[in-house]
């Protein structure tokens, strides 16, 4: 990955996440440890990003100048026609699955409208996890057009697949928090990042279909 591409990928990941730790940036960008460290150091040295270090939340985030630099690079390097068509197709296919995913998440959080899920009913949880497994198969199919990409936007979208695989495996192994806990690299966390990534990459604003 050349320097300009690496810089854009890190800026894009920070645009998606906000405050991002190095493990997230590596998973999002595909950069190696040394390459990632060098890119972060350059961005912070140029005033495009800042590091936050505290026990609860540490990582890198964009400055106002970094957001402007991202917008400039994005404008200067538009998707080619084939990639744009593929991204638009993925986004359109994502929306109905996203609606169903929200319903599965609601079932994970609430047994009924007024009964929170305390996860004492393992059979109930098992059914919801099975539903998540179906959603997972569908989103992998949605992302299939990115599977063979080696660089650019499609390669970035393909990198969500192993992250979602891992989160689902953690849920199935008994880690209930891996389903939807915020700031836990949960399935829901990764899903929301994918949604935001698609919006940014496709140059779209959130609309009613994104919220259904």
N, C-alpha and C. Protein backbone atom coordinates (compact mmCIF):
# COMPACT_ATOMS: atom_id res chain seq x y z
N UNK A 1 0.85 -1.19 0.00
CA UNK A 1 0.00 0.00 0.00
C UNK A 1 0.89 1.24 0.00
N UNK A 2 0.69 2.14 -0.99
CA UNK A 2 1.54 3.33 -1.06
C UNK A 2 1.16 4.33 0.03
N UNK A 3 2.02 5.33 0.22
CA UNK A 3 1.85 6.27 1.33
C UNK A 3 0.54 7.03 1.24
N UNK A 4 0.19 7.51 0.04
CA UNK A 4 -1.04 8.27 -0.12
C UNK A 4 -2.27 7.42 0.19
N UNK A 5 -2.26 6.18 -0.30
CA UNK A 5 -3.38 5.28 -0.04
C UNK A 5 -3.48 4.98 1.45
N UNK A 6 -2.34 4.71 2.08
CA UNK A 6 -2.35 4.44 3.52
C UNK A 6 -2.86 5.62 4.31
N UNK A 7 -2.46 6.81 3.92
CA UNK A 7 -2.93 8.02 4.59
C UNK A 7 -4.44 8.15 4.46
N UNK A 8 -4.95 7.96 3.24
CA UNK A 8 -6.40 8.07 3.04
C UNK A 8 -7.14 7.01 3.84
N UNK A 9 -6.64 5.77 3.84
CA UNK A 9 -7.34 4.70 4.55
C UNK A 9 -7.42 4.98 6.04
N UNK A 10 -6.35 5.52 6.63
CA UNK A 10 -6.39 5.85 8.05
C UNK A 10 -7.33 7.02 8.30
N UNK A 11 -7.27 8.04 7.45
CA UNK A 11 -8.21 9.16 7.59
C UNK A 11 -9.65 8.67 7.47
N UNK A 12 -9.89 7.78 6.53
CA UNK A 12 -11.25 7.26 6.34
C UNK A 12 -11.70 6.46 7.57
N UNK A 13 -10.82 5.62 8.09
CA UNK A 13 -11.17 4.84 9.28
C UNK A 13 -11.50 5.74 10.46
N UNK A 14 -10.73 6.82 10.61
CA UNK A 14 -11.00 7.76 11.70
C UNK A 14 -12.30 8.51 11.46
N UNK A 15 -12.62 8.79 10.21
CA UNK A 15 -13.89 9.43 9.87
C UNK A 15 -15.06 8.52 10.24
N UNK A 16 -14.89 7.23 10.01
CA UNK A 16 -15.94 6.26 10.33
C UNK A 16 -16.11 6.13 11.84
N UNK A 17 -15.01 5.99 12.56
CA UNK A 17 -15.05 5.61 13.97
C UNK A 17 -15.10 6.78 14.92
N UNK A 18 -14.41 7.86 14.59
CA UNK A 18 -14.27 8.96 15.55
C UNK A 18 -12.97 8.78 16.30
N UNK A 19 -13.03 8.22 17.49
CA UNK A 19 -11.84 7.88 18.27
C UNK A 19 -11.55 6.41 18.06
N UNK A 20 -10.37 6.09 17.53
CA UNK A 20 -10.08 4.71 17.15
C UNK A 20 -8.75 4.26 17.72
N UNK A 21 -8.74 3.05 18.31
CA UNK A 21 -7.48 2.51 18.79
C UNK A 21 -6.71 1.86 17.64
N UNK A 22 -5.48 1.49 17.91
CA UNK A 22 -4.62 0.97 16.84
C UNK A 22 -5.11 -0.37 16.29
N UNK A 23 -5.69 -1.20 17.16
CA UNK A 23 -6.20 -2.49 16.70
C UNK A 23 -7.32 -2.29 15.69
N UNK A 24 -8.20 -1.34 15.96
CA UNK A 24 -9.28 -1.04 15.02
C UNK A 24 -8.71 -0.52 13.71
N UNK A 25 -7.76 0.40 13.79
CA UNK A 25 -7.18 0.97 12.57
C UNK A 25 -6.49 -0.09 11.73
N UNK A 26 -5.82 -1.02 12.38
CA UNK A 26 -5.18 -2.11 11.63
C UNK A 26 -6.21 -2.97 10.92
N UNK A 27 -7.30 -3.30 11.64
CA UNK A 27 -8.35 -4.13 11.04
C UNK A 27 -9.05 -3.42 9.89
N UNK A 28 -9.23 -2.12 10.03
CA UNK A 28 -9.94 -1.34 9.01
C UNK A 28 -9.09 -1.08 7.77
N UNK A 29 -7.80 -0.85 7.97
CA UNK A 29 -6.95 -0.40 6.87
C UNK A 29 -6.12 -1.50 6.24
N UNK A 30 -5.85 -2.56 6.99
CA UNK A 30 -4.96 -3.60 6.50
C UNK A 30 -3.49 -3.24 6.59
N UNK A 31 -3.19 -2.11 7.24
CA UNK A 31 -1.79 -1.70 7.39
C UNK A 31 -1.09 -2.54 8.44
N UNK A 32 0.20 -2.79 8.23
CA UNK A 32 1.00 -3.51 9.21
C UNK A 32 1.30 -2.62 10.40
N UNK A 33 1.84 -3.21 11.46
CA UNK A 33 2.13 -2.44 12.67
C UNK A 33 3.03 -1.24 12.42
N UNK A 34 4.17 -1.47 11.75
CA UNK A 34 5.10 -0.37 11.50
C UNK A 34 4.51 0.65 10.53
N UNK A 35 3.84 0.15 9.49
CA UNK A 35 3.24 1.06 8.53
C UNK A 35 2.16 1.91 9.15
N UNK A 36 1.36 1.30 10.01
CA UNK A 36 0.30 2.03 10.69
C UNK A 36 0.89 3.06 11.64
N UNK A 37 1.90 2.66 12.41
CA UNK A 37 2.53 3.58 13.36
C UNK A 37 3.13 4.78 12.65
N UNK A 38 3.77 4.53 11.51
CA UNK A 38 4.37 5.63 10.74
C UNK A 38 3.30 6.58 10.22
N UNK A 39 2.21 6.02 9.71
CA UNK A 39 1.13 6.86 9.17
C UNK A 39 0.50 7.70 10.27
N UNK A 40 0.24 7.09 11.42
CA UNK A 40 -0.34 7.84 12.53
C UNK A 40 0.60 8.95 12.98
N UNK A 41 1.89 8.63 13.07
CA UNK A 41 2.87 9.64 13.48
C UNK A 41 2.91 10.81 12.50
N UNK A 42 2.82 10.50 11.22
CA UNK A 42 2.81 11.57 10.21
C UNK A 42 1.55 12.42 10.33
N UNK A 43 0.41 11.79 10.50
CA UNK A 43 -0.85 12.53 10.62
C UNK A 43 -0.86 13.42 11.86
N UNK A 44 -0.37 12.89 12.97
CA UNK A 44 -0.34 13.71 14.19
C UNK A 44 0.69 14.83 14.06
N UNK A 45 1.82 14.51 13.44
CA UNK A 45 2.85 15.53 13.24
C UNK A 45 2.40 16.66 12.34
N UNK A 46 1.53 16.33 11.38
CA UNK A 46 1.01 17.34 10.45
C UNK A 46 -0.24 18.05 10.99
N UNK A 47 -0.64 17.69 12.19
CA UNK A 47 -1.81 18.33 12.78
C UNK A 47 -3.14 17.84 12.24
N UNK A 48 -3.13 16.69 11.57
CA UNK A 48 -4.36 16.15 11.00
C UNK A 48 -5.08 15.20 11.95
N UNK A 49 -4.37 14.76 12.98
CA UNK A 49 -4.95 13.86 13.97
C UNK A 49 -4.29 14.12 15.32
N UNK A 50 -4.96 13.70 16.36
CA UNK A 50 -4.41 13.80 17.72
C UNK A 50 -4.55 12.45 18.40
N UNK A 51 -3.66 12.19 19.34
CA UNK A 51 -3.73 10.98 20.15
C UNK A 51 -4.37 11.32 21.49
N UNK A 52 -5.24 10.44 21.94
CA UNK A 52 -5.85 10.55 23.26
C UNK A 52 -5.43 9.34 24.07
N UNK A 53 -4.85 9.57 25.21
CA UNK A 53 -4.39 8.46 26.05
C UNK A 53 -5.01 8.58 27.43
N UNK A 54 -5.93 7.68 27.74
CA UNK A 54 -6.46 7.59 29.10
C UNK A 54 -6.92 6.16 29.33
N UNK A 55 -7.08 5.75 30.59
CA UNK A 55 -7.37 4.35 30.88
C UNK A 55 -8.64 3.83 30.23
N UNK A 56 -9.64 4.68 30.06
CA UNK A 56 -10.94 4.20 29.56
C UNK A 56 -11.01 4.19 28.04
N UNK A 57 -10.58 5.28 27.41
CA UNK A 57 -10.68 5.38 25.96
C UNK A 57 -9.42 6.03 25.41
N UNK A 58 -8.63 5.24 24.69
CA UNK A 58 -7.41 5.76 24.09
C UNK A 58 -7.45 5.53 22.59
N UNK A 59 -6.74 6.36 21.87
CA UNK A 59 -6.68 6.17 20.43
C UNK A 59 -6.37 7.45 19.69
N UNK A 60 -6.71 7.45 18.42
CA UNK A 60 -6.43 8.56 17.52
C UNK A 60 -7.75 9.11 17.00
N UNK A 61 -7.81 10.42 16.82
CA UNK A 61 -9.00 11.03 16.23
C UNK A 61 -8.60 12.18 15.32
N UNK A 62 -9.46 12.49 14.37
CA UNK A 62 -9.18 13.57 13.43
C UNK A 62 -9.32 14.93 14.08
N UNK A 63 -8.49 15.86 13.64
CA UNK A 63 -8.69 17.27 13.96
C UNK A 63 -9.56 17.88 12.87
N UNK A 64 -9.92 19.15 13.04
CA UNK A 64 -10.67 19.84 11.98
C UNK A 64 -9.88 19.84 10.68
N UNK A 65 -8.56 20.04 10.79
CA UNK A 65 -7.71 20.01 9.60
C UNK A 65 -7.70 18.62 8.97
N UNK A 66 -7.73 17.59 9.81
CA UNK A 66 -7.76 16.23 9.30
C UNK A 66 -9.04 15.92 8.55
N UNK A 67 -10.16 16.42 9.07
CA UNK A 67 -11.44 16.22 8.38
C UNK A 67 -11.43 16.92 7.02
N UNK A 68 -10.84 18.11 6.99
CA UNK A 68 -10.75 18.85 5.72
C UNK A 68 -9.84 18.11 4.74
N UNK A 69 -8.73 17.55 5.25
CA UNK A 69 -7.81 16.81 4.39
C UNK A 69 -8.49 15.56 3.83
N UNK A 70 -9.27 14.90 4.67
CA UNK A 70 -10.02 13.72 4.20
C UNK A 70 -10.96 14.11 3.07
N UNK A 71 -11.73 15.17 3.28
CA UNK A 71 -12.69 15.61 2.26
C UNK A 71 -11.98 15.94 0.94
N UNK A 72 -10.81 16.57 1.05
CA UNK A 72 -10.06 16.94 -0.15
C UNK A 72 -9.57 15.70 -0.89
N UNK A 73 -9.00 14.74 -0.15
CA UNK A 73 -8.53 13.51 -0.79
C UNK A 73 -9.68 12.73 -1.40
N UNK A 74 -10.80 12.70 -0.70
CA UNK A 74 -11.97 11.97 -1.21
C UNK A 74 -12.44 12.58 -2.53
N UNK A 75 -12.47 13.90 -2.58
CA UNK A 75 -12.91 14.59 -3.80
C UNK A 75 -11.92 14.40 -4.94
N UNK A 76 -10.63 14.40 -4.61
CA UNK A 76 -9.60 14.29 -5.64
C UNK A 76 -9.44 12.87 -6.18
N UNK A 77 -9.95 11.90 -5.45
CA UNK A 77 -9.77 10.50 -5.85
C UNK A 77 -11.12 9.78 -5.88
N UNK A 78 -11.99 10.15 -6.82
CA UNK A 78 -13.31 9.53 -6.88
C UNK A 78 -13.22 8.06 -7.28
N UNK A 79 -14.26 7.32 -6.92
CA UNK A 79 -14.32 5.91 -7.32
C UNK A 79 -14.44 5.81 -8.83
N UNK A 80 -13.78 4.79 -9.40
CA UNK A 80 -13.99 4.55 -10.82
C UNK A 80 -15.40 3.99 -11.03
N UNK A 81 -15.85 3.96 -12.27
CA UNK A 81 -17.24 3.62 -12.55
C UNK A 81 -17.61 2.22 -12.06
N UNK A 82 -16.71 1.26 -12.26
CA UNK A 82 -17.00 -0.12 -11.85
C UNK A 82 -17.10 -0.23 -10.33
N UNK A 83 -16.17 0.41 -9.63
CA UNK A 83 -16.20 0.37 -8.16
C UNK A 83 -17.44 1.08 -7.64
N UNK A 84 -17.76 2.23 -8.23
CA UNK A 84 -18.94 2.96 -7.80
C UNK A 84 -20.20 2.12 -7.97
N UNK A 85 -20.31 1.43 -9.08
CA UNK A 85 -21.48 0.58 -9.31
C UNK A 85 -21.54 -0.55 -8.28
N UNK A 86 -20.38 -1.13 -7.96
CA UNK A 86 -20.34 -2.21 -6.97
C UNK A 86 -20.73 -1.70 -5.59
N UNK A 87 -20.20 -0.54 -5.20
CA UNK A 87 -20.52 0.03 -3.89
C UNK A 87 -22.00 0.37 -3.81
N UNK A 88 -22.54 0.97 -4.86
CA UNK A 88 -23.97 1.29 -4.86
C UNK A 88 -24.82 0.03 -4.74
N UNK A 89 -24.39 -1.03 -5.42
CA UNK A 89 -25.12 -2.29 -5.32
C UNK A 89 -25.08 -2.88 -3.93
N UNK A 90 -23.90 -2.82 -3.30
CA UNK A 90 -23.77 -3.32 -1.93
C UNK A 90 -24.64 -2.50 -0.99
N UNK A 91 -24.61 -1.20 -1.14
CA UNK A 91 -25.42 -0.34 -0.27
C UNK A 91 -26.91 -0.65 -0.42
N UNK A 92 -27.38 -0.78 -1.64
CA UNK A 92 -28.80 -1.06 -1.86
C UNK A 92 -29.20 -2.41 -1.26
N UNK A 93 -28.32 -3.41 -1.40
CA UNK A 93 -28.60 -4.73 -0.84
C UNK A 93 -28.50 -4.73 0.68
N UNK A 94 -27.69 -3.83 1.22
CA UNK A 94 -27.50 -3.74 2.67
C UNK A 94 -28.77 -3.28 3.38
N UNK A 95 -29.51 -2.36 2.79
CA UNK A 95 -30.61 -1.70 3.50
C UNK A 95 -31.67 -2.66 4.04
N UNK A 96 -32.20 -3.60 3.25
CA UNK A 96 -33.20 -4.51 3.83
C UNK A 96 -32.64 -5.43 4.90
N UNK A 97 -31.38 -5.82 4.75
CA UNK A 97 -30.76 -6.65 5.79
C UNK A 97 -30.57 -5.83 7.06
N UNK A 98 -30.24 -4.57 6.90
CA UNK A 98 -30.08 -3.68 8.04
C UNK A 98 -31.39 -3.56 8.82
N UNK A 99 -32.50 -3.45 8.13
CA UNK A 99 -33.80 -3.38 8.81
C UNK A 99 -34.05 -4.63 9.64
N UNK A 100 -33.76 -5.79 9.07
CA UNK A 100 -33.96 -7.04 9.79
C UNK A 100 -32.98 -7.19 10.94
N UNK A 101 -31.75 -6.71 10.76
CA UNK A 101 -30.77 -6.75 11.84
C UNK A 101 -31.24 -5.93 13.03
N UNK A 102 -31.83 -4.79 12.78
CA UNK A 102 -32.34 -3.96 13.88
C UNK A 102 -33.41 -4.71 14.66
N UNK A 103 -34.25 -5.45 13.97
CA UNK A 103 -35.29 -6.21 14.66
C UNK A 103 -34.68 -7.33 15.50
N UNK A 104 -33.63 -7.96 14.99
CA UNK A 104 -32.96 -9.01 15.78
C UNK A 104 -32.31 -8.39 17.02
N UNK A 105 -31.69 -7.23 16.86
CA UNK A 105 -31.08 -6.55 18.02
C UNK A 105 -32.14 -6.19 19.05
N UNK A 106 -33.30 -5.74 18.58
CA UNK A 106 -34.39 -5.41 19.50
C UNK A 106 -34.83 -6.64 20.28
N UNK A 107 -34.88 -7.79 19.62
CA UNK A 107 -35.24 -9.03 20.30
C UNK A 107 -34.19 -9.44 21.32
N UNK A 108 -32.92 -9.14 21.03
CA UNK A 108 -31.85 -9.45 21.97
C UNK A 108 -31.95 -8.60 23.22
N UNK A 109 -32.39 -7.38 23.06
CA UNK A 109 -32.46 -6.45 24.19
C UNK A 109 -33.76 -6.55 24.97
N UNK A 110 -34.86 -6.88 24.30
CA UNK A 110 -36.17 -6.91 24.94
C UNK A 110 -36.91 -8.19 24.56
N UNK A 111 -37.41 -8.92 25.57
CA UNK A 111 -38.20 -10.12 25.30
C UNK A 111 -39.59 -9.72 24.81
N UNK A 112 -40.18 -8.73 25.47
CA UNK A 112 -41.41 -8.10 25.01
C UNK A 112 -41.21 -6.60 25.10
N UNK A 113 -42.23 -5.84 24.72
CA UNK A 113 -42.09 -4.38 24.72
C UNK A 113 -41.74 -3.83 26.09
N UNK A 114 -42.15 -4.52 27.15
CA UNK A 114 -41.89 -4.01 28.50
C UNK A 114 -41.09 -4.98 29.37
N UNK A 115 -40.46 -5.98 28.74
CA UNK A 115 -39.66 -6.95 29.49
C UNK A 115 -38.25 -7.02 28.93
N UNK A 116 -37.28 -6.42 29.63
CA UNK A 116 -35.89 -6.50 29.15
C UNK A 116 -35.40 -7.94 29.16
N UNK A 117 -34.50 -8.25 28.27
CA UNK A 117 -33.89 -9.57 28.23
C UNK A 117 -32.75 -9.62 29.24
N UNK A 118 -32.94 -10.40 30.31
CA UNK A 118 -31.88 -10.54 31.31
C UNK A 118 -30.98 -11.74 31.01
N UNK A 119 -31.23 -12.40 29.89
CA UNK A 119 -30.41 -13.51 29.39
C UNK A 119 -30.45 -14.73 30.32
N UNK A 120 -31.53 -14.84 31.11
CA UNK A 120 -31.69 -16.02 31.95
C UNK A 120 -32.33 -17.18 31.18
N UNK A 121 -32.99 -16.87 30.08
CA UNK A 121 -33.65 -17.88 29.26
C UNK A 121 -32.72 -18.24 28.10
N UNK A 122 -31.98 -19.30 28.28
CA UNK A 122 -30.98 -19.67 27.27
C UNK A 122 -31.62 -20.12 25.96
N UNK A 123 -32.82 -20.69 26.04
CA UNK A 123 -33.50 -21.09 24.81
C UNK A 123 -33.90 -19.86 23.99
N UNK A 124 -34.40 -18.84 24.68
CA UNK A 124 -34.75 -17.60 23.98
C UNK A 124 -33.51 -17.00 23.33
N UNK A 125 -32.44 -16.89 24.12
CA UNK A 125 -31.20 -16.32 23.57
C UNK A 125 -30.70 -17.14 22.39
N UNK A 126 -30.83 -18.45 22.50
CA UNK A 126 -30.38 -19.31 21.41
C UNK A 126 -31.13 -19.04 20.12
N UNK A 127 -32.43 -18.78 20.24
CA UNK A 127 -33.21 -18.48 19.04
C UNK A 127 -32.77 -17.15 18.42
N UNK A 128 -32.50 -16.16 19.27
CA UNK A 128 -32.08 -14.86 18.75
C UNK A 128 -30.69 -14.98 18.11
N UNK A 129 -29.81 -15.75 18.73
CA UNK A 129 -28.48 -15.95 18.16
C UNK A 129 -28.58 -16.68 16.82
N UNK A 130 -29.51 -17.62 16.73
CA UNK A 130 -29.74 -18.29 15.44
C UNK A 130 -30.21 -17.29 14.39
N UNK A 131 -31.08 -16.37 14.81
CA UNK A 131 -31.53 -15.32 13.88
C UNK A 131 -30.35 -14.45 13.44
N UNK A 132 -29.45 -14.16 14.38
CA UNK A 132 -28.26 -13.39 14.02
C UNK A 132 -27.41 -14.16 13.01
N UNK A 133 -27.35 -15.47 13.18
CA UNK A 133 -26.60 -16.28 12.22
C UNK A 133 -27.16 -16.17 10.81
N UNK A 134 -28.48 -16.09 10.70
CA UNK A 134 -29.11 -15.92 9.39
C UNK A 134 -28.77 -14.55 8.81
N UNK A 135 -28.84 -13.52 9.67
CA UNK A 135 -28.45 -12.17 9.24
C UNK A 135 -27.00 -12.18 8.76
N UNK A 136 -26.15 -12.90 9.47
CA UNK A 136 -24.73 -12.96 9.12
C UNK A 136 -24.55 -13.56 7.72
N UNK A 137 -25.24 -14.64 7.45
CA UNK A 137 -25.13 -15.25 6.12
C UNK A 137 -25.57 -14.27 5.04
N UNK A 138 -26.60 -13.50 5.34
CA UNK A 138 -27.11 -12.54 4.35
C UNK A 138 -26.11 -11.40 4.13
N UNK A 139 -25.50 -10.90 5.20
CA UNK A 139 -24.58 -9.77 5.01
C UNK A 139 -23.31 -10.23 4.31
N UNK A 140 -22.90 -11.46 4.53
CA UNK A 140 -21.75 -11.98 3.79
C UNK A 140 -22.07 -12.04 2.30
N UNK A 141 -23.29 -12.43 1.97
CA UNK A 141 -23.71 -12.42 0.57
C UNK A 141 -23.72 -11.00 0.01
N UNK A 142 -24.19 -10.05 0.81
CA UNK A 142 -24.23 -8.65 0.38
C UNK A 142 -22.82 -8.16 0.04
N UNK A 143 -21.86 -8.54 0.87
CA UNK A 143 -20.48 -8.08 0.70
C UNK A 143 -19.69 -8.91 -0.31
N UNK A 144 -20.29 -9.94 -0.86
CA UNK A 144 -19.58 -10.84 -1.77
C UNK A 144 -18.92 -10.13 -2.95
N UNK A 145 -19.51 -9.07 -3.52
CA UNK A 145 -18.83 -8.39 -4.63
C UNK A 145 -17.47 -7.79 -4.27
N UNK A 146 -17.21 -7.66 -2.97
CA UNK A 146 -15.92 -7.10 -2.54
C UNK A 146 -14.88 -8.17 -2.24
N UNK A 147 -15.28 -9.43 -2.30
CA UNK A 147 -14.45 -10.51 -1.76
C UNK A 147 -13.08 -10.62 -2.41
N UNK A 148 -12.99 -10.39 -3.70
CA UNK A 148 -11.73 -10.58 -4.42
C UNK A 148 -10.93 -9.30 -4.60
N UNK A 149 -11.41 -8.20 -4.04
CA UNK A 149 -10.72 -6.92 -4.21
C UNK A 149 -9.41 -6.93 -3.42
N UNK A 150 -8.40 -6.30 -3.99
CA UNK A 150 -7.09 -6.26 -3.33
C UNK A 150 -6.72 -4.86 -2.84
N UNK A 151 -7.45 -3.86 -3.26
CA UNK A 151 -7.17 -2.51 -2.78
C UNK A 151 -8.41 -1.63 -2.94
N UNK A 152 -8.33 -0.43 -2.39
CA UNK A 152 -9.40 0.53 -2.56
C UNK A 152 -10.62 0.26 -1.70
N UNK A 153 -11.72 0.88 -2.09
CA UNK A 153 -12.95 0.83 -1.29
C UNK A 153 -13.49 -0.58 -1.12
N UNK A 154 -13.45 -1.37 -2.18
CA UNK A 154 -14.00 -2.72 -2.08
C UNK A 154 -13.16 -3.60 -1.15
N UNK A 155 -11.85 -3.46 -1.20
CA UNK A 155 -11.01 -4.22 -0.28
C UNK A 155 -11.31 -3.83 1.16
N UNK A 156 -11.55 -2.55 1.38
CA UNK A 156 -11.89 -2.09 2.73
C UNK A 156 -13.20 -2.72 3.20
N UNK A 157 -14.20 -2.75 2.33
CA UNK A 157 -15.47 -3.37 2.70
C UNK A 157 -15.30 -4.86 2.98
N UNK A 158 -14.43 -5.51 2.21
CA UNK A 158 -14.19 -6.94 2.43
C UNK A 158 -13.60 -7.21 3.80
N UNK A 159 -12.87 -6.25 4.35
CA UNK A 159 -12.25 -6.47 5.66
C UNK A 159 -13.27 -6.49 6.80
N UNK A 160 -14.51 -6.12 6.53
CA UNK A 160 -15.53 -6.26 7.56
C UNK A 160 -15.92 -7.72 7.79
N UNK A 161 -15.72 -8.55 6.80
CA UNK A 161 -16.17 -9.94 6.90
C UNK A 161 -15.48 -10.69 8.04
N UNK A 162 -14.14 -10.72 8.12
CA UNK A 162 -13.52 -11.43 9.24
C UNK A 162 -13.85 -10.82 10.59
N UNK A 163 -14.07 -9.52 10.63
CA UNK A 163 -14.44 -8.89 11.90
C UNK A 163 -15.84 -9.34 12.34
N UNK A 164 -16.77 -9.40 11.41
CA UNK A 164 -18.12 -9.89 11.73
C UNK A 164 -18.08 -11.37 12.07
N UNK A 165 -17.28 -12.14 11.34
CA UNK A 165 -17.11 -13.57 11.66
C UNK A 165 -16.66 -13.74 13.11
N UNK A 166 -15.66 -12.96 13.50
CA UNK A 166 -15.10 -13.08 14.85
C UNK A 166 -16.13 -12.69 15.91
N UNK A 167 -16.86 -11.61 15.67
CA UNK A 167 -17.86 -11.18 16.65
C UNK A 167 -18.95 -12.24 16.81
N UNK A 168 -19.40 -12.82 15.70
CA UNK A 168 -20.42 -13.87 15.79
C UNK A 168 -19.89 -15.08 16.54
N UNK A 169 -18.65 -15.44 16.29
CA UNK A 169 -18.05 -16.58 17.00
C UNK A 169 -18.00 -16.32 18.49
N UNK A 170 -17.70 -15.09 18.88
CA UNK A 170 -17.68 -14.74 20.30
C UNK A 170 -19.06 -14.84 20.91
N UNK A 171 -20.08 -14.39 20.19
CA UNK A 171 -21.46 -14.51 20.68
C UNK A 171 -21.81 -15.98 20.86
N UNK A 172 -21.51 -16.78 19.86
CA UNK A 172 -21.86 -18.21 19.92
C UNK A 172 -21.10 -18.95 21.01
N UNK A 173 -19.94 -18.42 21.39
CA UNK A 173 -19.15 -19.08 22.44
C UNK A 173 -19.61 -18.69 23.84
N UNK A 174 -20.60 -17.79 23.93
CA UNK A 174 -21.15 -17.42 25.23
C UNK A 174 -20.86 -16.01 25.69
N UNK A 175 -20.18 -15.22 24.86
CA UNK A 175 -19.90 -13.83 25.21
C UNK A 175 -21.08 -12.97 24.78
N UNK A 176 -22.06 -12.82 25.68
CA UNK A 176 -23.27 -12.07 25.33
C UNK A 176 -22.98 -10.63 24.95
N UNK A 177 -21.95 -10.05 25.56
CA UNK A 177 -21.62 -8.65 25.27
C UNK A 177 -21.18 -8.46 23.83
N UNK A 178 -20.70 -9.52 23.19
CA UNK A 178 -20.23 -9.42 21.82
C UNK A 178 -21.36 -9.24 20.82
N UNK A 179 -22.59 -9.34 21.29
CA UNK A 179 -23.74 -9.12 20.41
C UNK A 179 -23.94 -7.63 20.16
N UNK A 180 -24.08 -6.85 21.23
CA UNK A 180 -24.49 -5.45 21.01
C UNK A 180 -23.91 -4.45 22.00
N UNK A 181 -22.94 -4.85 22.82
CA UNK A 181 -22.40 -3.87 23.78
C UNK A 181 -21.63 -2.79 23.04
N UNK A 182 -21.88 -1.52 23.36
CA UNK A 182 -21.14 -0.43 22.71
C UNK A 182 -19.67 -0.44 23.11
N UNK A 183 -18.82 0.00 22.19
CA UNK A 183 -17.38 0.15 22.41
C UNK A 183 -16.73 -1.15 22.87
N UNK A 184 -17.20 -2.27 22.28
CA UNK A 184 -16.71 -3.59 22.67
C UNK A 184 -16.28 -4.39 21.44
N UNK A 185 -16.24 -3.74 20.28
CA UNK A 185 -16.05 -4.44 19.01
C UNK A 185 -17.09 -5.54 18.87
N UNK A 186 -18.30 -5.22 19.32
CA UNK A 186 -19.41 -6.17 19.23
C UNK A 186 -19.92 -6.25 17.80
N UNK A 187 -20.78 -7.22 17.56
CA UNK A 187 -21.36 -7.36 16.22
C UNK A 187 -22.07 -6.07 15.83
N UNK A 188 -22.79 -5.50 16.78
CA UNK A 188 -23.52 -4.25 16.52
C UNK A 188 -22.56 -3.10 16.24
N UNK A 189 -21.47 -3.01 17.00
CA UNK A 189 -20.45 -1.98 16.74
C UNK A 189 -19.96 -2.06 15.29
N UNK A 190 -19.57 -3.26 14.89
CA UNK A 190 -19.00 -3.45 13.56
C UNK A 190 -20.04 -3.17 12.49
N UNK A 191 -21.26 -3.58 12.75
CA UNK A 191 -22.35 -3.34 11.79
C UNK A 191 -22.56 -1.83 11.58
N UNK A 192 -22.56 -1.08 12.67
CA UNK A 192 -22.75 0.36 12.56
C UNK A 192 -21.59 1.02 11.81
N UNK A 193 -20.39 0.50 12.02
CA UNK A 193 -19.24 1.02 11.27
C UNK A 193 -19.37 0.72 9.78
N UNK A 194 -19.83 -0.49 9.46
CA UNK A 194 -20.05 -0.84 8.06
C UNK A 194 -21.08 0.09 7.43
N UNK A 195 -22.16 0.35 8.15
CA UNK A 195 -23.20 1.24 7.62
C UNK A 195 -22.63 2.63 7.36
N UNK A 196 -21.89 3.16 8.32
CA UNK A 196 -21.30 4.48 8.15
C UNK A 196 -20.29 4.48 7.00
N UNK A 197 -19.52 3.42 6.88
CA UNK A 197 -18.54 3.31 5.80
C UNK A 197 -19.23 3.34 4.44
N UNK A 198 -20.32 2.60 4.32
CA UNK A 198 -21.06 2.58 3.07
C UNK A 198 -21.61 3.96 2.72
N UNK A 199 -22.13 4.66 3.72
CA UNK A 199 -22.65 6.01 3.48
C UNK A 199 -21.54 6.94 2.99
N UNK A 200 -20.40 6.90 3.66
CA UNK A 200 -19.28 7.76 3.27
C UNK A 200 -18.77 7.40 1.88
N UNK A 201 -18.57 6.11 1.65
CA UNK A 201 -17.98 5.66 0.39
C UNK A 201 -18.90 5.96 -0.79
N UNK A 202 -20.21 5.82 -0.55
CA UNK A 202 -21.18 6.07 -1.62
C UNK A 202 -21.60 7.54 -1.69
N UNK A 203 -21.02 8.37 -0.84
CA UNK A 203 -21.35 9.81 -0.81
C UNK A 203 -22.84 10.03 -0.58
N UNK A 204 -23.38 9.30 0.38
CA UNK A 204 -24.81 9.41 0.67
C UNK A 204 -25.03 9.98 2.06
N UNK A 205 -26.15 10.65 2.24
CA UNK A 205 -26.61 11.08 3.54
C UNK A 205 -27.60 10.05 4.07
N UNK A 206 -27.73 9.98 5.39
CA UNK A 206 -28.73 9.08 5.96
C UNK A 206 -30.13 9.53 5.53
N UNK A 207 -30.91 8.56 5.09
CA UNK A 207 -32.27 8.83 4.67
C UNK A 207 -33.21 7.90 5.43
N UNK A 208 -34.50 8.00 5.13
CA UNK A 208 -35.48 7.19 5.84
C UNK A 208 -35.18 5.70 5.72
N UNK A 209 -34.70 5.27 4.56
CA UNK A 209 -34.42 3.85 4.35
C UNK A 209 -33.29 3.35 5.25
N UNK A 210 -32.39 4.26 5.65
CA UNK A 210 -31.29 3.87 6.53
C UNK A 210 -31.77 3.67 7.96
N UNK A 211 -32.91 4.24 8.30
CA UNK A 211 -33.39 4.21 9.68
C UNK A 211 -34.50 3.20 9.89
N UNK A 212 -34.98 2.57 8.83
CA UNK A 212 -36.10 1.64 8.97
C UNK A 212 -35.68 0.37 9.69
